[in-house]
């Protein structure tokens, strides 16, 4: 009877966890690939459809608050110091001209003289660092104001903030179809007044003197600046100065108002672009304006 019993068969079933074909990991990788391709084609489309002025506005938005090539205030033409009393309103803490003058043998051997020079150098470096921090803070405040105020958010594309050897420069740039002045007029329109009001609030935070310069673009007929461009750019700079004073800027802060015509294009490759028409406002690297001497 035992021989007639059929043999017992044991069947082992191998359970596959996560499904076959490596599970669903390939789906995640494929989704990442499709997302990356969509982002790439979107970037290509944006590059193809934006104007040079818009590209510069986007680049400036993602740039750090300071675009100075130096990490300190000593990268300017004055080496982080200010001129002596001989300069126009340049009574800085460091007397560069005095330090550069040859000294007598007795003064060179004097420990007190060396200590004084070291103190002045340290004071000059501290002043330059403080000025650099002030410029960075002002640039950041302007960018934040542009993003937080609805009436300025759209106009932020027309503002470029950078640092030059002269100081902190704020440029209000025309865009195609979005000019700050009527054609041939030196009177700022409402768009320009909104931008100048925001800039004046930032300028008032610092004691530095200000240079206001006007720029025009070259006409399609020729690259050279015509006689009318010089007077027009100077008139627009003066018009911007008047608006800033209406919004509270002290007239003693103005160091210079000048017209550059199209001699310094923002886009040298195409001087006829609308973006070359602009107003530049520069906060100078120098000692603050001192009150007039009332002594007898």
Protein backbone atom coordinates (compact mmCIF):
# COMPACT_ATOMS: atom_id res chain seq x y z
CA UNK A 1 0.00 0.00 0.00
CA UNK A 2 2.92 2.32 0.78
CA UNK A 3 4.33 1.65 -2.66
CA UNK A 4 1.14 2.71 -4.29
CA UNK A 5 1.13 6.10 -2.58
CA UNK A 6 2.14 8.87 -4.91
CA UNK A 7 5.30 10.85 -4.17
CA UNK A 8 4.82 14.13 -2.31
CA UNK A 9 6.07 17.14 -4.36
CA UNK A 10 7.08 20.41 -2.64
CA UNK A 11 6.81 23.50 -4.81
CA UNK A 12 8.84 26.57 -3.84
CA UNK A 13 7.45 29.91 -5.02
CA UNK A 14 9.97 32.77 -5.29
CA UNK A 15 8.32 36.05 -4.41
CA UNK A 16 9.62 39.06 -6.30
CA UNK A 17 9.50 42.23 -4.22
CA UNK A 18 8.85 45.53 -5.99
CA UNK A 19 7.75 44.11 -9.31
CA UNK A 20 9.87 42.97 -12.18
CA UNK A 21 12.27 44.86 -14.36
CA UNK A 22 14.06 46.65 -11.49
CA UNK A 23 10.84 47.80 -9.90
CA UNK A 24 9.69 51.38 -10.57
CA UNK A 25 13.08 53.07 -10.33
CA UNK A 26 13.22 53.60 -14.08
CA UNK A 27 10.06 55.68 -13.91
CA UNK A 28 11.68 58.13 -11.51
CA UNK A 29 14.76 58.41 -13.69
CA UNK A 30 12.63 58.94 -16.79
CA UNK A 31 10.58 61.63 -15.06
CA UNK A 32 13.77 63.44 -14.05
CA UNK A 33 15.01 63.26 -17.63
CA UNK A 34 11.76 64.69 -19.04
CA UNK A 35 11.78 67.49 -16.46
CA UNK A 36 15.36 68.39 -17.32
CA UNK A 37 14.54 68.47 -21.04
CA UNK A 38 11.52 70.70 -20.42
CA UNK A 39 13.69 73.11 -18.40
CA UNK A 40 16.34 73.10 -21.15
CA UNK A 41 13.87 73.88 -23.96
CA UNK A 42 12.21 76.55 -21.80
CA UNK A 43 15.61 78.17 -21.24
CA UNK A 44 16.34 78.11 -24.98
CA UNK A 45 12.97 79.72 -25.66
CA UNK A 46 13.55 82.48 -23.11
CA UNK A 47 17.01 83.25 -24.49
CA UNK A 48 15.58 83.51 -27.98
CA UNK A 49 12.66 85.78 -27.05
CA UNK A 50 14.20 88.23 -24.55
CA UNK A 51 15.87 91.48 -25.58
CA UNK A 52 19.44 92.42 -24.58
CA UNK A 53 18.04 94.86 -22.02
CA UNK A 54 15.92 92.11 -20.44
CA UNK A 55 18.89 89.72 -20.35
CA UNK A 56 20.94 92.34 -18.50
CA UNK A 57 18.08 92.92 -16.06
CA UNK A 58 17.81 89.19 -15.34
CA UNK A 59 21.58 88.91 -14.87
CA UNK A 60 21.59 91.87 -12.50
CA UNK A 61 18.72 90.41 -10.47
CA UNK A 62 20.64 87.18 -9.79
CA UNK A 63 23.96 88.99 -9.23
CA UNK A 64 25.21 89.58 -5.68
CA UNK A 65 24.66 92.96 -4.11
CA UNK A 66 28.22 93.99 -4.91
CA UNK A 67 29.76 93.33 -8.30
CA UNK A 68 33.05 94.96 -7.45
CA UNK A 69 36.03 92.91 -8.60
CA UNK A 70 37.70 93.56 -5.27
CA UNK A 71 36.71 91.99 -1.97
CA UNK A 72 37.37 95.21 -0.07
CA UNK A 73 37.05 98.92 -0.49
CA UNK A 74 40.69 99.19 -1.50
CA UNK A 75 40.06 98.21 -5.12
CA UNK A 76 39.15 101.70 -6.31
CA UNK A 77 41.31 104.36 -7.86
CA UNK A 78 42.01 105.84 -4.43
CA UNK A 79 43.12 102.50 -2.95
CA UNK A 80 40.45 102.57 -0.24
CA UNK A 81 41.53 105.98 1.05
CA UNK A 82 40.52 109.53 0.36
CA UNK A 83 42.44 112.56 -0.79
CA UNK A 84 43.81 115.12 1.59
CA UNK A 85 42.49 118.56 2.39
CA UNK A 86 43.68 119.89 -0.96
CA UNK A 87 40.91 118.01 -2.80
CA UNK A 88 37.42 119.39 -3.32
CA UNK A 89 35.49 118.52 -0.15
CA UNK A 90 37.82 115.57 0.38
CA UNK A 91 38.88 116.07 3.97
CA UNK A 92 39.17 112.34 4.58
CA UNK A 93 40.50 110.56 7.61
CA UNK A 94 43.69 109.48 5.75
CA UNK A 95 45.96 112.19 4.34
CA UNK A 96 47.39 110.32 1.36
CA UNK A 97 49.29 113.29 -0.01
CA UNK A 98 50.86 113.98 3.36
CA UNK A 99 51.88 110.33 3.81
CA UNK A 100 53.40 110.20 0.34
CA UNK A 101 55.59 113.29 0.91
CA UNK A 102 59.25 112.66 1.78
CA UNK A 103 59.94 112.89 5.48
CA UNK A 104 62.92 114.16 7.31
CA UNK A 105 65.47 111.81 8.84
CA UNK A 106 64.32 112.65 12.33
CA UNK A 107 60.69 111.86 11.59
CA UNK A 108 61.59 108.50 10.05
CA UNK A 109 63.40 107.48 13.21
CA UNK A 110 60.57 108.70 15.45
CA UNK A 111 58.47 105.87 16.91
CA UNK A 112 55.67 108.36 17.49
CA UNK A 113 55.55 109.26 13.78
CA UNK A 114 55.46 105.59 12.74
CA UNK A 115 52.71 104.90 15.23
CA UNK A 116 50.71 107.86 13.91
CA UNK A 117 51.03 106.65 10.32
CA UNK A 118 49.97 103.13 11.30
CA UNK A 119 46.95 104.54 13.13
CA UNK A 120 45.94 106.62 10.10
CA UNK A 121 46.34 103.60 7.80
CA UNK A 122 44.19 101.44 10.04
CA UNK A 123 41.60 104.22 10.25
CA UNK A 124 41.58 104.58 6.47
CA UNK A 125 41.07 100.83 6.01
CA UNK A 126 38.24 100.84 8.53
CA UNK A 127 36.58 103.78 6.76
CA UNK A 128 36.92 102.05 3.37
CA UNK A 129 35.42 98.84 4.75
CA UNK A 130 32.54 100.79 6.31
CA UNK A 131 31.89 102.58 3.02
CA UNK A 132 31.92 99.28 1.10
CA UNK A 133 29.42 97.80 3.55
CA UNK A 134 27.23 100.88 3.18
CA UNK A 135 27.25 100.57 -0.62
CA UNK A 136 26.34 96.89 -0.44
CA UNK A 137 23.51 97.60 1.99
CA UNK A 138 22.17 100.40 -0.20
CA UNK A 139 22.21 98.19 -3.31
CA UNK A 140 20.42 95.40 -1.46
CA UNK A 141 17.82 97.81 -0.08
CA UNK A 142 17.07 99.10 -3.56
CA UNK A 143 16.63 95.59 -4.97
CA UNK A 144 14.34 94.64 -2.08
CA UNK A 145 12.26 97.78 -2.59
CA UNK A 146 11.91 96.98 -6.29
CA UNK A 147 10.57 93.51 -5.49
CA UNK A 148 8.29 94.46 -2.59
CA UNK A 149 6.47 97.44 -4.14
CA UNK A 150 3.96 96.55 -6.89
CA UNK A 151 4.52 99.78 -8.81
CA UNK A 152 8.26 99.09 -8.87
CA UNK A 153 8.31 95.33 -9.52
CA UNK A 154 7.74 95.72 -13.27
CA UNK A 155 10.11 98.70 -13.49
CA UNK A 156 12.91 96.79 -11.76
CA UNK A 157 13.99 95.50 -15.18
CA UNK A 158 15.06 99.07 -16.01
CA UNK A 159 17.38 99.46 -13.00
CA UNK A 160 21.04 98.36 -12.99
CA UNK A 161 23.10 98.65 -9.80
CA UNK A 162 26.87 98.12 -9.78
CA UNK A 163 30.06 99.48 -8.28
CA UNK A 164 32.69 101.41 -10.21
CA UNK A 165 36.01 103.01 -9.18
CA UNK A 166 34.00 106.22 -8.68
CA UNK A 167 31.48 104.64 -6.31
CA UNK A 168 28.02 103.02 -6.25
CA UNK A 169 26.28 103.54 -9.60
CA UNK A 170 22.54 103.25 -10.15
CA UNK A 171 21.44 103.33 -13.80
CA UNK A 172 17.86 103.88 -14.95
CA UNK A 173 17.77 102.34 -18.42
CA UNK A 174 15.22 102.76 -21.20
CA UNK A 175 13.62 99.72 -22.79
CA UNK A 176 12.04 99.48 -26.21
CA UNK A 177 8.60 101.06 -25.82
CA UNK A 178 9.26 101.96 -22.16
CA UNK A 179 11.15 105.24 -22.26
CA UNK A 180 11.62 107.53 -19.25
CA UNK A 181 11.42 110.68 -21.37
CA UNK A 182 9.25 111.68 -24.28
CA UNK A 183 11.02 111.75 -27.63
CA UNK A 184 13.27 114.82 -27.70
CA UNK A 185 12.10 115.99 -24.26
CA UNK A 186 14.21 116.58 -21.14
CA UNK A 187 11.27 116.29 -18.72
CA UNK A 188 11.04 112.91 -16.90
CA UNK A 189 7.72 111.11 -17.39
CA UNK A 190 5.74 109.38 -14.64
CA UNK A 191 7.67 106.13 -15.05
CA UNK A 192 10.94 107.96 -14.48
CA UNK A 193 9.54 109.84 -11.47
CA UNK A 194 8.56 106.56 -9.78
CA UNK A 195 12.07 105.18 -10.26
CA UNK A 196 13.74 108.40 -9.14
CA UNK A 197 11.62 108.47 -5.97
CA UNK A 198 12.81 104.97 -5.06
CA UNK A 199 16.44 105.87 -5.83
CA UNK A 200 16.23 109.06 -3.76
CA UNK A 201 15.17 107.08 -0.70
CA UNK A 202 18.31 104.95 -1.04
CA UNK A 203 20.56 107.93 -1.75
CA UNK A 204 19.30 109.67 1.40
CA UNK A 205 20.58 106.76 3.51
CA UNK A 206 24.20 107.67 2.69
CA UNK A 207 26.13 110.95 3.10
CA UNK A 208 28.15 110.67 -0.13
CA UNK A 209 27.94 113.28 -2.85
CA UNK A 210 26.15 112.45 -6.08
CA UNK A 211 26.91 112.73 -9.80
CA UNK A 212 23.93 112.67 -12.18
CA UNK A 213 24.72 111.93 -15.84
CA UNK A 214 22.47 111.66 -18.89
CA UNK A 215 23.09 109.36 -21.86
CA UNK A 216 21.46 109.08 -25.27
CA UNK A 217 21.64 106.37 -27.92
CA UNK A 218 23.07 106.80 -31.39
CA UNK A 219 20.69 107.44 -34.24
CA UNK A 220 20.36 104.93 -37.05
CA UNK A 221 21.86 107.49 -39.43
CA UNK A 222 25.20 107.62 -37.65
CA UNK A 223 27.09 106.59 -34.56
CA UNK A 224 28.59 109.99 -33.69
CA UNK A 225 26.87 112.22 -31.18
CA UNK A 226 25.10 115.19 -32.73
CA UNK A 227 25.02 118.64 -31.20
CA UNK A 228 21.48 118.03 -30.01
CA UNK A 229 22.46 114.88 -28.10
CA UNK A 230 24.82 116.79 -25.81
CA UNK A 231 22.26 119.37 -24.76
CA UNK A 232 19.49 116.76 -24.56
CA UNK A 233 21.48 114.40 -22.33
CA UNK A 234 22.55 117.29 -20.09
CA UNK A 235 18.94 118.51 -19.88
CA UNK A 236 17.69 115.05 -18.92
CA UNK A 237 20.36 114.72 -16.22
CA UNK A 238 19.33 118.10 -14.81
CA UNK A 239 15.66 117.10 -15.01
CA UNK A 240 16.42 113.96 -12.99
CA UNK A 241 18.33 116.08 -10.47
CA UNK A 242 15.33 118.38 -10.01
CA UNK A 243 12.98 115.42 -9.43
CA UNK A 244 15.34 113.93 -6.83
CA UNK A 245 15.48 117.25 -5.01
CA UNK A 246 11.68 117.41 -5.05
CA UNK A 247 11.67 114.03 -3.29
CA UNK A 248 14.00 115.31 -0.57
CA UNK A 249 17.62 115.09 -1.74
CA UNK A 250 19.69 118.00 -0.43
CA UNK A 251 21.08 120.19 -3.22
CA UNK A 252 24.45 120.27 -1.41
CA UNK A 253 24.76 116.56 -2.17
CA UNK A 254 25.03 117.17 -5.92
CA UNK A 255 28.66 117.20 -7.03
CA UNK A 256 28.07 117.27 -10.79
CA UNK A 257 25.31 117.18 -13.40
CA UNK A 258 26.59 116.24 -16.84
CA UNK A 259 25.50 115.10 -20.28
CA UNK A 260 27.45 112.34 -22.03
CA UNK A 261 25.37 112.14 -25.23
CA UNK A 262 26.11 108.72 -26.79
CA UNK A 263 29.83 108.78 -25.99
CA UNK A 264 29.57 105.96 -23.39
CA UNK A 265 27.05 103.39 -24.71
CA UNK A 266 25.88 100.67 -22.37
CA UNK A 267 25.80 98.28 -25.36
CA UNK A 268 28.89 99.18 -27.44
CA UNK A 269 28.11 96.47 -30.00
CA UNK A 270 24.89 98.29 -30.94
CA UNK A 271 24.90 101.99 -29.93
CA UNK A 272 21.41 102.43 -31.40
CA UNK A 273 19.71 100.19 -28.81
CA UNK A 274 17.15 101.86 -26.57
CA UNK A 275 19.05 100.59 -23.52
CA UNK A 276 21.82 103.10 -24.24
CA UNK A 277 19.40 105.87 -23.26
CA UNK A 278 19.73 106.13 -19.49
CA UNK A 279 20.29 108.23 -16.41
CA UNK A 280 23.19 107.22 -14.16
CA UNK A 281 23.33 108.29 -10.50
CA UNK A 282 26.69 107.68 -8.81
CA UNK A 283 27.37 107.89 -5.08
CA UNK A 284 31.00 108.95 -4.89
CA UNK A 285 33.72 107.25 -2.86
CA UNK A 286 34.77 110.21 -0.77
CA UNK A 287 34.36 111.94 2.57
CA UNK A 288 30.80 113.03 3.46
CA UNK A 289 29.65 116.56 2.86
CA UNK A 290 30.65 118.78 5.78
CA UNK A 291 28.52 121.73 6.98
CA UNK A 292 29.87 125.14 5.96
CA UNK A 293 32.38 126.73 8.33
CA UNK A 294 30.48 129.34 10.35
CA UNK A 295 33.53 130.45 12.34
CA UNK A 296 34.59 134.07 12.25
